[in-house]
C-alpha atoms as a PDB file:
ATOM      1  CA  MET A   1       1.893   7.140 -10.296  1.00  0.00           C
ATOM      2  CA  GLY A   2       5.260   6.129  -9.043  1.00  0.00           C
ATOM      3  CA  ASN A   3       6.985   6.108  -5.696  1.00  0.00           C
ATOM      4  CA  GLY A   4       9.288   9.126  -5.976  1.00  0.00           C
ATOM      5  CA  GLY A   5       8.544  12.782  -5.387  1.00  0.00           C
ATOM      6  CA  SER A   6       7.550  15.194  -2.667  1.00  0.00           C
ATOM      7  CA  VAL A   7       4.053  16.359  -1.726  1.00  0.00           C
ATOM      8  CA  MET A   8       3.047  19.768  -0.385  1.00  0.00           C
ATOM      9  CA  LYS A   9      -0.169  21.529   0.560  1.00  0.00           C
ATOM     10  CA  VAL A  10      -0.922  24.448  -1.759  1.00  0.00           C
ATOM     11  CA  GLU A  11      -3.758  26.875  -2.463  1.00  0.00           C
ATOM     12  CA  HIS A  12      -5.020  27.812  -5.914  1.00  0.00           C
ATOM     13  CA  LEU A  13      -5.108  31.599  -5.509  1.00  0.00           C
ATOM     14  CA  SER A  14      -7.876  32.474  -7.970  1.00  0.00           C
ATOM     15  CA  SER A  15     -10.309  29.840  -6.683  1.00  0.00           C
ATOM     16  CA  GLY A  16      -9.151  29.403  -3.079  1.00  0.00           C
ATOM     17  CA  ILE A  17      -9.139  25.618  -3.516  1.00  0.00           C
ATOM     18  CA  VAL A  18      -6.652  23.838  -1.253  1.00  0.00           C
ATOM     19  CA  MET A  19      -4.785  21.083  -3.080  1.00  0.00           C
ATOM     20  CA  ALA A  20      -1.980  18.593  -2.636  1.00  0.00           C
ATOM     21  CA  LYS A  21       0.782  19.120  -5.177  1.00  0.00           C
ATOM     22  CA  LYS A  22       3.085  16.206  -5.919  1.00  0.00           C
ATOM     23  CA  ILE A  23       6.393  17.042  -7.586  1.00  0.00           C
ATOM     24  CA  VAL A  24       8.018  14.124  -9.398  1.00  0.00           C
ATOM     25  CA  LEU A  25      11.505  14.256 -10.888  1.00  0.00           C
ATOM     26  CA  ILE A  26      11.378  12.481 -14.249  1.00  0.00           C
ATOM     27  CA  ASP A  27      14.431  10.795 -15.709  1.00  0.00           C
ATOM     28  CA  ALA A  28      13.230  10.712 -19.309  1.00  0.00           C
ATOM     29  CA  LYS A  29      13.465  12.448 -22.663  1.00  0.00           C
ATOM     30  CA  PRO A  30      11.231  15.498 -23.267  1.00  0.00           C
ATOM     31  CA  SER A  31       9.054  13.480 -25.650  1.00  0.00           C
ATOM     32  CA  VAL A  32       8.471  10.879 -22.947  1.00  0.00           C
ATOM     33  CA  ARG A  33       7.627  13.588 -20.413  1.00  0.00           C
ATOM     34  CA  LYS A  34       4.955  14.923 -22.760  1.00  0.00           C
ATOM     35  CA  GLN A  35       3.545  11.425 -23.209  1.00  0.00           C
ATOM     36  CA  ILE A  36       3.407  11.036 -19.425  1.00  0.00           C
ATOM     37  CA  LEU A  37       1.527  14.313 -19.174  1.00  0.00           C
ATOM     38  CA  ARG A  38      -1.013  13.133 -21.760  1.00  0.00           C
ATOM     39  CA  GLU A  39      -1.506   9.883 -19.864  1.00  0.00           C
ATOM     40  CA  LEU A  40      -1.987  11.722 -16.578  1.00  0.00           C
ATOM     41  CA  HIS A  41      -4.912  13.595 -18.078  1.00  0.00           C
ATOM     42  CA  ILE A  42      -6.803  10.293 -17.881  1.00  0.00           C
ATOM     43  CA  MET A  43      -7.104  11.042 -14.183  1.00  0.00           C
ATOM     44  CA  HIS A  44      -9.489  13.892 -14.987  1.00  0.00           C
ATOM     45  CA  ALA A  45     -11.999  11.347 -16.219  1.00  0.00           C
ATOM     46  CA  CYS A  46     -11.981   9.498 -12.893  1.00  0.00           C
ATOM     47  CA  SER A  47     -15.139  10.124 -10.890  1.00  0.00           C
ATOM     48  CA  SER A  48     -15.385   7.872  -7.885  1.00  0.00           C
ATOM     49  CA  PRO A  49     -15.906   8.517  -4.168  1.00  0.00           C
ATOM     50  CA  PHE A  50     -13.008   6.132  -3.567  1.00  0.00           C
ATOM     51  CA  ILE A  51     -10.407   7.821  -5.812  1.00  0.00           C
ATOM     52  CA  VAL A  52      -8.610  11.089  -5.047  1.00  0.00           C
ATOM     53  CA  SER A  53      -9.709  13.766  -7.519  1.00  0.00           C
ATOM     54  CA  SER A  54      -7.183  15.300  -9.903  1.00  0.00           C
ATOM     55  CA  PHE A  55      -7.084  18.994 -10.730  1.00  0.00           C
ATOM     56  CA  GLY A  56      -4.474  18.566 -13.449  1.00  0.00           C
ATOM     57  CA  ALA A  57      -0.788  18.089 -14.146  1.00  0.00           C
ATOM     58  CA  TYR A  58       1.855  20.252 -15.787  1.00  0.00           C
ATOM     59  CA  LEU A  59       5.517  20.202 -16.751  1.00  0.00           C
ATOM     60  CA  SER A  60       8.058  22.187 -14.748  1.00  0.00           C
ATOM     61  CA  GLU A  61      11.318  20.860 -16.178  1.00  0.00           C
ATOM     62  CA  PRO A  62      12.747  18.485 -15.140  1.00  0.00           C
ATOM     63  CA  ASN A  63       9.696  17.744 -12.997  1.00  0.00           C
ATOM     64  CA  ILE A  64       6.056  16.910 -13.491  1.00  0.00           C
ATOM     65  CA  CYS A  65       3.690  18.550 -11.014  1.00  0.00           C
ATOM     66  CA  ILE A  66       0.422  16.787 -10.237  1.00  0.00           C
ATOM     67  CA  CYS A  67      -2.322  18.682  -8.395  1.00  0.00           C
ATOM     68  CA  MET A  68      -4.724  16.497  -6.428  1.00  0.00           C
ATOM     69  CA  GLU A  69      -7.521  16.681  -3.873  1.00  0.00           C
ATOM     70  CA  PHE A  70      -6.178  17.468  -0.396  1.00  0.00           C
ATOM     71  CA  MET A  71      -7.021  14.809   2.207  1.00  0.00           C
ATOM     72  CA  ASP A  72      -6.503  16.565   5.537  1.00  0.00           C
ATOM     73  CA  LYS A  73      -6.029  13.495   7.772  1.00  0.00           C
ATOM     74  CA  GLY A  74      -3.239  12.139   5.592  1.00  0.00           C
ATOM     75  CA  SER A  75      -2.324   8.563   4.773  1.00  0.00           C
ATOM     76  CA  PHE A  76      -3.080   5.506   6.865  1.00  0.00           C
ATOM     77  CA  ASP A  77       0.654   4.880   7.017  1.00  0.00           C
ATOM     78  CA  SER A  78       1.187   8.138   8.888  1.00  0.00           C
ATOM     79  CA  ILE A  79      -1.999   7.656  10.928  1.00  0.00           C
ATOM     80  CA  TYR A  80      -1.170   4.263  12.403  1.00  0.00           C
ATOM     81  CA  LYS A  81       2.414   5.299  13.065  1.00  0.00           C
ATOM     82  CA  SER A  82       1.218   8.298  15.075  1.00  0.00           C
ATOM     83  CA  ILE A  83      -1.516   6.752  17.253  1.00  0.00           C
ATOM     84  CA  GLY A  84       0.576   4.272  19.234  1.00  0.00           C
ATOM     85  CA  SER A  85       0.452   4.691  23.003  1.00  0.00           C
ATOM     86  CA  ARG A  86       3.057   2.105  23.974  1.00  0.00           C
ATOM     87  CA  GLY A  87       6.776   2.506  24.462  1.00  0.00           C
ATOM     88  CA  LYS A  88       9.037   4.782  26.440  1.00  0.00           C
ATOM     89  CA  PRO A  89       8.700   8.593  26.373  1.00  0.00           C
ATOM     90  CA  GLY A  90      10.178   9.949  23.168  1.00  0.00           C
ATOM     91  CA  GLU A  91      10.284   6.514  21.541  1.00  0.00           C
ATOM     92  CA  ALA A  92       8.716   6.138  18.095  1.00  0.00           C
ATOM     93  CA  VAL A  93       5.787   3.748  18.442  1.00  0.00           C
ATOM     94  CA  THR A  94       2.933   2.543  16.264  1.00  0.00           C
ATOM     95  CA  GLY A  95      -0.562   1.506  17.152  1.00  0.00           C
ATOM     96  CA  PRO A  96      -3.122  -0.822  15.608  1.00  0.00           C
ATOM     97  CA  ILE A  97      -6.173   0.683  13.926  1.00  0.00           C
ATOM     98  CA  PRO A  98      -9.513  -0.668  15.229  1.00  0.00           C
ATOM     99  CA  ILE A  99     -10.586  -3.659  13.159  1.00  0.00           C
ATOM    100  CA  GLY A 100     -13.992  -2.076  12.481  1.00  0.00           C
ATOM    101  CA  ILE A 101     -12.221   0.880  10.862  1.00  0.00           C
ATOM    102  CA  VAL A 102      -9.970  -1.498   8.916  1.00  0.00           C
ATOM    103  CA  ARG A 103     -13.086  -3.289   7.626  1.00  0.00           C
ATOM    104  CA  GLN A 104     -14.645  -0.059   6.390  1.00  0.00           C
ATOM    105  CA  LEU A 105     -11.337   0.944   4.797  1.00  0.00           C
ATOM    106  CA  ALA A 106     -11.127  -2.416   2.997  1.00  0.00           C
ATOM    107  CA  LYS A 107     -14.608  -1.986   1.558  1.00  0.00           C
ATOM    108  CA  ARG A 108     -13.747   1.431   0.156  1.00  0.00           C
ATOM    109  CA  VAL A 109     -10.401   0.313  -1.257  1.00  0.00           C
ATOM    110  CA  LEU A 110     -12.181  -2.554  -3.017  1.00  0.00           C
ATOM    111  CA  GLY A 111     -14.709  -0.063  -4.391  1.00  0.00           C
ATOM    112  CA  GLY A 112     -11.824   1.978  -5.777  1.00  0.00           C
ATOM    113  CA  LEU A 113     -10.169  -1.072  -7.328  1.00  0.00           C
ATOM    114  CA  VAL A 114     -13.428  -2.168  -8.955  1.00  0.00           C
ATOM    115  CA  TYR A 115     -13.897   1.311 -10.408  1.00  0.00           C
ATOM    116  CA  LEU A 116     -10.363   1.581 -11.747  1.00  0.00           C
ATOM    117  CA  TYR A 117     -10.406  -1.905 -13.256  1.00  0.00           C
ATOM    118  CA  GLU A 118     -13.948  -2.088 -14.617  1.00  0.00           C
ATOM    119  CA  GLN A 119     -14.624   1.535 -15.535  1.00  0.00           C
ATOM    120  CA  MET A 120     -11.187   2.949 -16.367  1.00  0.00           C
ATOM    121  CA  GLY A 121      -9.382  -0.200 -17.493  1.00  0.00           C
ATOM    122  CA  VAL A 122      -6.358   0.416 -15.268  1.00  0.00           C
ATOM    123  CA  LEU A 123      -4.767  -1.327 -12.293  1.00  0.00           C
ATOM    124  CA  HIS A 124      -3.623   0.470  -9.182  1.00  0.00           C
ATOM    125  CA  ARG A 125      -0.243  -1.338  -8.941  1.00  0.00           C
ATOM    126  CA  ASP A 126       0.800   0.232  -5.625  1.00  0.00           C
ATOM    127  CA  ILE A 127      -1.654  -0.575  -2.831  1.00  0.00           C
ATOM    128  CA  LYS A 128      -0.070   0.165   0.548  1.00  0.00           C
ATOM    129  CA  PRO A 129      -0.965   2.254   3.631  1.00  0.00           C
ATOM    130  CA  SER A 130       0.706   5.417   2.322  1.00  0.00           C
ATOM    131  CA  ASN A 131      -1.489   5.367  -0.802  1.00  0.00           C
ATOM    132  CA  ILE A 132      -4.766   5.153   1.143  1.00  0.00           C
ATOM    133  CA  LEU A 133      -5.885   8.583   2.382  1.00  0.00           C
ATOM    134  CA  LEU A 134      -8.467   9.860   4.877  1.00  0.00           C
ATOM    135  CA  ASN A 135     -10.200  13.203   5.356  1.00  0.00           C
ATOM    136  CA  SER A 136     -12.254  14.766   8.157  1.00  0.00           C
ATOM    137  CA  GLU A 137     -15.489  13.630   6.542  1.00  0.00           C
ATOM    138  CA  GLY A 138     -14.426  10.026   6.981  1.00  0.00           C
ATOM    139  CA  GLU A 139     -13.857   9.512   3.267  1.00  0.00           C
ATOM    140  CA  VAL A 140     -11.222   6.930   2.311  1.00  0.00           C
ATOM    141  CA  LYS A 141      -9.638   7.367  -1.109  1.00  0.00           C
ATOM    142  CA  LEU A 142      -6.870   5.811  -3.169  1.00  0.00           C
ATOM    143  CA  CYS A 143      -4.062   7.871  -4.668  1.00  0.00           C
ATOM    144  CA  ASP A 144      -0.993   7.183  -6.833  1.00  0.00           C
ATOM    145  CA  PHE A 145      -2.522   4.585  -9.112  1.00  0.00           C
ATOM    146  CA  GLY A 146      -0.773   3.394 -12.265  1.00  0.00           C
ATOM    147  CA  VAL A 147      -2.365   5.492 -14.997  1.00  0.00           C
ATOM    148  CA  SER A 148       0.963   6.163 -16.660  1.00  0.00           C
ATOM    149  CA  GLY A 149       3.186   3.252 -17.542  1.00  0.00           C
ATOM    150  CA  GLU A 150       5.788   5.681 -18.861  1.00  0.00           C
ATOM    151  CA  LEU A 151       5.854   7.505 -15.539  1.00  0.00           C
ATOM    152  CA  GLU A 152       6.236   4.245 -13.652  1.00  0.00           C
ATOM    153  CA  ASN A 153       9.176   3.283 -15.877  1.00  0.00           C
ATOM    154  CA  SER A 154      10.828   6.709 -15.715  1.00  0.00           C
ATOM    155  CA  VAL A 155      10.651   7.292 -11.961  1.00  0.00           C
ATOM    156  CA  ALA A 156      11.838   3.971 -10.548  1.00  0.00           C
ATOM    157  CA  LYS A 157      15.150   2.642 -11.770  1.00  0.00           C
ATOM    158  CA  THR A 158      15.752   0.816  -8.504  1.00  0.00           C
ATOM    159  CA  PHE A 159      13.669  -1.453  -6.324  1.00  0.00           C
ATOM    160  CA  VAL A 160      11.998   0.520  -3.572  1.00  0.00           C
ATOM    161  CA  GLY A 161      10.458  -0.563  -0.300  1.00  0.00           C
ATOM    162  CA  THR A 162       7.103  -0.942  -2.050  1.00  0.00           C
ATOM    163  CA  SER A 163       8.413  -4.328  -3.228  1.00  0.00           C
ATOM    164  CA  VAL A 164       7.577  -5.718   0.220  1.00  0.00           C
ATOM    165  CA  TYR A 165       3.892  -5.422  -0.713  1.00  0.00           C
ATOM    166  CA  MET A 166       4.434  -7.336  -3.964  1.00  0.00           C
ATOM    167  CA  SER A 167       2.519 -10.533  -4.597  1.00  0.00           C
ATOM    168  CA  PRO A 168       4.485 -13.778  -5.022  1.00  0.00           C
ATOM    169  CA  GLU A 169       3.729 -13.937  -8.738  1.00  0.00           C
ATOM    170  CA  ARG A 170       5.038 -10.411  -9.296  1.00  0.00           C
ATOM    171  CA  ILE A 171       8.275 -11.187  -7.431  1.00  0.00           C
ATOM    172  CA  GLN A 172       8.662 -14.177  -9.743  1.00  0.00           C
ATOM    173  CA  GLY A 173       8.222 -11.980 -12.810  1.00  0.00           C
ATOM    174  CA  SER A 174       4.650 -12.799 -13.848  1.00  0.00           C
ATOM    175  CA  ASP A 175       2.400 -10.131 -15.351  1.00  0.00           C
ATOM    176  CA  TYR A 176       0.544  -7.758 -13.074  1.00  0.00           C
ATOM    177  CA  SER A 177      -3.186  -8.323 -12.602  1.00  0.00           C
ATOM    178  CA  VAL A 178      -5.961  -6.957 -10.413  1.00  0.00           C
ATOM    179  CA  LYS A 179      -5.336  -9.939  -8.119  1.00  0.00           C
ATOM    180  CA  SER A 180      -1.835  -8.586  -7.476  1.00  0.00           C
ATOM    181  CA  ASP A 181      -3.545  -5.494  -6.042  1.00  0.00           C
ATOM    182  CA  VAL A 182      -5.665  -7.805  -3.874  1.00  0.00           C
ATOM    183  CA  TRP A 183      -2.528  -9.402  -2.373  1.00  0.00           C
ATOM    184  CA  SER A 184      -1.152  -5.947  -1.529  1.00  0.00           C
ATOM    185  CA  LEU A 185      -4.466  -5.078   0.101  1.00  0.00           C
ATOM    186  CA  GLY A 186      -4.274  -8.198   2.280  1.00  0.00           C
ATOM    187  CA  ILE A 187      -0.783  -7.265   3.501  1.00  0.00           C
ATOM    188  CA  THR A 188      -1.965  -3.698   4.116  1.00  0.00           C
ATOM    189  CA  LEU A 189      -4.958  -4.809   6.197  1.00  0.00           C
ATOM    190  CA  ILE A 190      -2.799  -6.949   8.481  1.00  0.00           C
ATOM    191  CA  GLU A 191      -0.305  -4.101   8.886  1.00  0.00           C
ATOM    192  CA  LEU A 192      -3.006  -1.652   9.941  1.00  0.00           C
ATOM    193  CA  ALA A 193      -4.831  -4.120  12.209  1.00  0.00           C
ATOM    194  CA  HIS A 194      -1.613  -5.251  13.939  1.00  0.00           C
ATOM    195  CA  GLY A 195       0.036  -1.839  14.031  1.00  0.00           C
ATOM    196  CA  CYS A 196       3.180  -3.135  12.342  1.00  0.00           C
ATOM    197  CA  PHE A 197       4.303  -4.665   9.070  1.00  0.00           C
ATOM    198  CA  PRO A 198       3.111  -8.311   9.012  1.00  0.00           C
ATOM    199  CA  PHE A 199       6.445  -9.806   8.028  1.00  0.00           C
ATOM    200  CA  ALA A 200       8.394  -7.726  10.526  1.00  0.00           C
ATOM    201  CA  ASP A 201       8.551  -6.296  14.013  1.00  0.00           C
ATOM    202  CA  SER A 202      11.206  -3.787  13.040  1.00  0.00           C
ATOM    203  CA  GLU A 203      10.964  -0.995  10.521  1.00  0.00           C
ATOM    204  CA  VAL A 204      10.347  -1.280   6.779  1.00  0.00           C
ATOM    205  CA  ASP A 205      10.924   2.077   5.138  1.00  0.00           C
ATOM    206  CA  GLU A 206       8.640   2.353   2.106  1.00  0.00           C
ATOM    207  CA  GLU A 207      10.796   5.019   0.530  1.00  0.00           C
ATOM    208  CA  THR A 208      14.245   3.480   0.972  1.00  0.00           C
ATOM    209  CA  PRO A 209      15.753   2.754  -2.465  1.00  0.00           C
ATOM    210  CA  ILE A 210      17.219  -0.683  -2.978  1.00  0.00           C
ATOM    211  CA  ASP A 211      19.619  -1.385  -5.800  1.00  0.00           C
ATOM    212  CA  SER A 212      17.917  -3.945  -8.047  1.00  0.00           C
ATOM    213  CA  ALA A 213      21.311  -5.161  -9.243  1.00  0.00           C
ATOM    214  CA  SER A 214      21.977  -6.547  -5.764  1.00  0.00           C
ATOM    215  CA  LEU A 215      18.943  -8.833  -5.861  1.00  0.00           C
ATOM    216  CA  THR A 216      18.962 -12.395  -7.168  1.00  0.00           C
ATOM    217  CA  PRO A 217      15.894 -13.529  -9.153  1.00  0.00           C
ATOM    218  CA  ILE A 218      13.686 -15.716  -6.970  1.00  0.00           C
ATOM    219  CA  SER A 219      13.778 -18.444  -9.612  1.00  0.00           C
ATOM    220  CA  SER A 220      17.531 -18.690  -9.031  1.00  0.00           C
ATOM    221  CA  LEU A 221      17.258 -19.095  -5.280  1.00  0.00           C
ATOM    222  CA  PRO A 222      17.512 -22.425  -3.470  1.00  0.00           C
ATOM    223  CA  SER A 223      14.352 -23.724  -1.803  1.00  0.00           C
ATOM    224  CA  SER A 224      15.837 -22.856   1.592  1.00  0.00           C
ATOM    225  CA  LEU A 225      18.683 -20.773   2.936  1.00  0.00           C
ATOM    226  CA  SER A 226      21.370 -22.139   5.237  1.00  0.00           C
ATOM    227  CA  SER A 227      22.216 -20.292   8.454  1.00  0.00           C
ATOM    228  CA  ALA A 228      25.533 -19.272   6.914  1.00  0.00           C
ATOM    229  CA  GLN A 229      23.741 -17.830   3.869  1.00  0.00           C
ATOM    230  CA  ARG A 230      21.325 -15.967   6.135  1.00  0.00           C
ATOM    231  CA  HIS A 231      24.194 -14.499   8.137  1.00  0.00           C
ATOM    232  CA  SER A 232      26.057 -13.376   5.039  1.00  0.00           C
ATOM    233  CA  ARG A 233      22.985 -11.647   3.616  1.00  0.00           C
ATOM    234  CA  ARG A 234      22.085  -9.541   6.675  1.00  0.00           C
ATOM    235  CA  LYS A 235      21.715  -5.878   5.784  1.00  0.00           C
ATOM    236  CA  SER A 236      21.079  -2.755   7.808  1.00  0.00           C
ATOM    237  CA  ARG A 237      17.783  -2.198   6.030  1.00  0.00           C
ATOM    238  CA  GLY A 238      16.521  -5.700   6.778  1.00  0.00           C
ATOM    239  CA  VAL A 239      13.440  -6.746   8.722  1.00  0.00           C
ATOM    240  CA  SER A 240      12.713  -9.347  11.378  1.00  0.00           C
ATOM    241  CA  LEU A 241       9.860 -11.823  11.104  1.00  0.00           C
ATOM    242  CA  HIS A 242       7.126 -11.822  13.724  1.00  0.00           C
ATOM    243  CA  GLY A 243       8.277 -13.949  16.591  1.00  0.00           C
ATOM    244  CA  GLY A 244      11.698 -14.414  15.039  1.00  0.00           C
ATOM    245  CA  VAL A 245      15.214 -13.383  15.981  1.00  0.00           C
ATOM    246  CA  GLY A 246      17.591 -11.259  13.923  1.00  0.00           C
ATOM    247  CA  THR A 247      16.845  -9.538  10.657  1.00  0.00           C
ATOM    248  CA  LEU A 248      16.082 -10.575   7.111  1.00  0.00           C
ATOM    249  CA  SER A 249      17.567  -8.792   4.139  1.00  0.00           C
ATOM    250  CA  ILE A 250      15.160  -7.646   1.440  1.00  0.00           C
ATOM    251  CA  LEU A 251      16.322 -10.617  -0.631  1.00  0.00           C
ATOM    252  CA  GLU A 252      15.420 -13.017   2.168  1.00  0.00           C
ATOM    253  CA  LEU A 253      12.077 -11.309   2.720  1.00  0.00           C
ATOM    254  CA  MET A 254      11.160 -11.673  -0.949  1.00  0.00           C
ATOM    255  CA  HIS A 255      12.314 -15.290  -0.791  1.00  0.00           C
ATOM    256  CA  HIS A 256      10.062 -15.733   2.251  1.00  0.00           C
ATOM    257  CA  ILE A 257       7.049 -14.203   0.448  1.00  0.00           C
ATOM    258  CA  VAL A 258       7.446 -16.650  -2.433  1.00  0.00           C
ATOM    259  CA  ARG A 259       8.434 -19.825  -0.562  1.00  0.00           C
ATOM    260  CA  GLU A 260       6.662 -19.627   2.807  1.00  0.00           C
ATOM    261  CA  PRO A 261       2.976 -19.556   3.860  1.00  0.00           C
ATOM    262  CA  PRO A 262       1.378 -16.105   3.757  1.00  0.00           C
ATOM    263  CA  PRO A 263       0.884 -14.108   6.967  1.00  0.00           C
ATOM    264  CA  SER A 264      -2.376 -14.358   8.923  1.00  0.00           C
ATOM    265  CA  LEU A 265      -4.553 -11.877  10.743  1.00  0.00           C
ATOM    266  CA  ILE A 266      -4.825 -14.189  13.752  1.00  0.00           C
ATOM    267  CA  THR A 267      -1.405 -15.307  14.953  1.00  0.00           C
ATOM    268  CA  SER A 268       0.233 -16.173  18.254  1.00  0.00           C
ATOM    269  CA  SER A 269       2.599 -13.209  17.972  1.00  0.00           C
ATOM    270  CA  VAL A 270      -0.263 -10.679  18.088  1.00  0.00           C
ATOM    271  CA  PRO A 271      -1.043  -9.260  21.569  1.00  0.00           C
ATOM    272  CA  HIS A 272      -4.054 -10.841  23.285  1.00  0.00           C
ATOM    273  CA  SER A 273      -5.622  -7.394  23.487  1.00  0.00           C
ATOM    274  CA  LEU A 274      -6.240  -7.555  19.724  1.00  0.00           C
ATOM    275  CA  GLU A 275      -9.249  -9.697  18.904  1.00  0.00           C
ATOM    276  CA  PHE A 276     -10.355 -10.484  15.361  1.00  0.00           C
ATOM    277  CA  SER A 277     -13.436 -12.293  14.110  1.00  0.00           C
ATOM    278  CA  GLU A 278     -13.213 -15.431  12.021  1.00  0.00           C
ATOM    279  CA  GLU A 279     -14.866 -13.630   9.092  1.00  0.00           C
ATOM    280  CA  ALA A 280     -12.172 -10.939   9.206  1.00  0.00           C
ATOM    281  CA  ALA A 281      -9.440 -13.580   9.309  1.00  0.00           C
ATOM    282  CA  GLN A 282     -11.053 -15.468   6.428  1.00  0.00           C
ATOM    283  CA  PHE A 283     -11.264 -12.280   4.353  1.00  0.00           C
ATOM    284  CA  VAL A 284      -7.495 -11.876   4.673  1.00  0.00           C
ATOM    285  CA  VAL A 285      -7.048 -15.535   3.667  1.00  0.00           C
ATOM    286  CA  TYR A 286      -9.041 -14.802   0.494  1.00  0.00           C
ATOM    287  CA  CYS A 287      -6.690 -11.887  -0.282  1.00  0.00           C
ATOM    288  CA  LEU A 288      -3.461 -13.798   0.400  1.00  0.00           C
ATOM    289  CA  LYS A 289      -3.864 -17.020  -1.552  1.00  0.00           C
ATOM    290  CA  LYS A 290      -0.399 -17.723  -2.961  1.00  0.00           C
ATOM    291  CA  ASP A 291      -1.839 -18.934  -6.281  1.00  0.00           C
ATOM    292  CA  PRO A 292      -3.449 -15.939  -8.053  1.00  0.00           C
ATOM    293  CA  GLY A 293      -5.849 -18.361  -9.712  1.00  0.00           C
ATOM    294  CA  GLU A 294      -7.284 -19.132  -6.271  1.00  0.00           C
ATOM    295  CA  ARG A 295      -7.212 -15.527  -5.041  1.00  0.00           C
ATOM    296  CA  MET A 296     -10.520 -13.652  -5.126  1.00  0.00           C
ATOM    297  CA  ASN A 297     -10.968 -10.545  -7.251  1.00  0.00           C
ATOM    298  CA  PRO A 298     -12.174  -7.198  -5.809  1.00  0.00           C
ATOM    299  CA  ARG A 299     -15.813  -7.560  -6.877  1.00  0.00           C
ATOM    300  CA  ASP A 300     -16.119 -11.040  -5.394  1.00  0.00           C
ATOM    301  CA  LEU A 301     -14.481  -9.853  -2.166  1.00  0.00           C
ATOM    302  CA  LEU A 302     -17.157  -7.172  -1.850  1.00  0.00           C
ATOM    303  CA  GLY A 303     -19.696 -10.009  -1.641  1.00  0.00           C
ATOM    304  CA  THR A 304     -18.056 -11.744   1.316  1.00  0.00           C
ATOM    305  CA  SER A 305     -19.660 -11.671   4.764  1.00  0.00           C
ATOM    306  CA  TRP A 306     -17.099  -9.290   6.300  1.00  0.00           C
ATOM    307  CA  MET A 307     -18.035  -6.591   3.791  1.00  0.00           C
ATOM    308  CA  ILE A 308     -21.726  -6.583   4.761  1.00  0.00           C
ATOM    309  CA  ASP A 309     -22.535  -3.463   6.807  1.00  0.00           C
ATOM    310  CA  ASN A 310     -25.772  -4.686   8.433  1.00  0.00           C
ATOM    311  CA  GLY A 311     -25.602  -5.680  12.087  1.00  0.00           C
ATOM    312  CA  ARG A 312     -22.445  -3.719  12.918  1.00  0.00           C
ATOM    313  CA  ALA A 313     -23.948  -1.112  15.220  1.00  0.00           C
ATOM    314  CA  ASP A 314     -20.928  -1.400  17.521  1.00  0.00           C
ATOM    315  CA  GLU A 315     -18.570  -0.058  14.850  1.00  0.00           C
ATOM    316  CA  MET A 316     -17.489   3.566  15.080  1.00  0.00           C
ATOM    317  CA  SER A 317     -18.120   5.451  11.843  1.00  0.00           C
ATOM    318  CA  LEU A 318     -15.144   6.581   9.819  1.00  0.00           C
ATOM    319  CA  LYS A 319     -16.160  10.224  10.250  1.00  0.00           C
ATOM    320  CA  THR A 320     -16.382   9.889  14.037  1.00  0.00           C
ATOM    321  CA  TRP A 321     -13.054   8.073  14.160  1.00  0.00           C
ATOM    322  CA  ALA A 322     -11.404  10.676  11.906  1.00  0.00           C
ATOM    323  CA  GLY A 323     -12.519  13.312  14.420  1.00  0.00           C
ATOM    324  CA  THR A 324     -10.434  11.613  17.122  1.00  0.00           C
ATOM    325  CA  LEU A 325      -7.191  11.955  15.168  1.00  0.00           C
END
């Protein structure tokens, strides 16, 4: 439902129901705002254990307010950035999420994608850690999915950090498909399992706006960048590749996503303390095939060996793990 807006915890006084209210500033004509509101009512029809429930939406000019189920443990973006134990006192650190928890999260995200695509006929369009929520019961649910195309068009007039989760075909301008959501899931899983963004060991701010006019279409880029070009394109909001030196601008990162091999779960830059099974690594490979024609869809991914629950007695349950946060 877009990347802009603020979220607050509220209580519905007459019923006592605690909700999350998202306030989104809409840059659109009144007629478009009303159309957005009509489209958002589709959310009421959603009934899935993997999708955040909607209590309704209303206009409060110039904003739209969306009332949703409150997930008390927050997003996985905030969770993994708060559980790190490394670093100096007072230093912001992040920590990896146990791979067994990441596996269970992946299965529930796939369940949500299958429901949205097969039952509701919509794509999520914005899979990333901040749009995957957890509550004390150990329930994992998706929020901010793309019900309203008008809302998506009206909120974002600039590229935002979400573009770093974009699939190669989307960066190149191809149509969105459910397999684009699968790519974003693959990037998300590596980020949570490693405790940092897979293309970077410095920060990537999901909410930092980036002027789309400053970006060159990938189709116009050379197959490689010279060192002089790299130096001239450094920006303060860049990122640095795992094991690399210096920073990449957003332009260079998008170039890297399109031109270079995808990231892997098992890599030499990951600390030896993190161990991943071959079936987990292969699952990520399925998600991050560069060619969307070769990339698996959500239903097929649910049938892979890593998604089978049997024989995983050593895994902590999501509810037990949520109780440790």
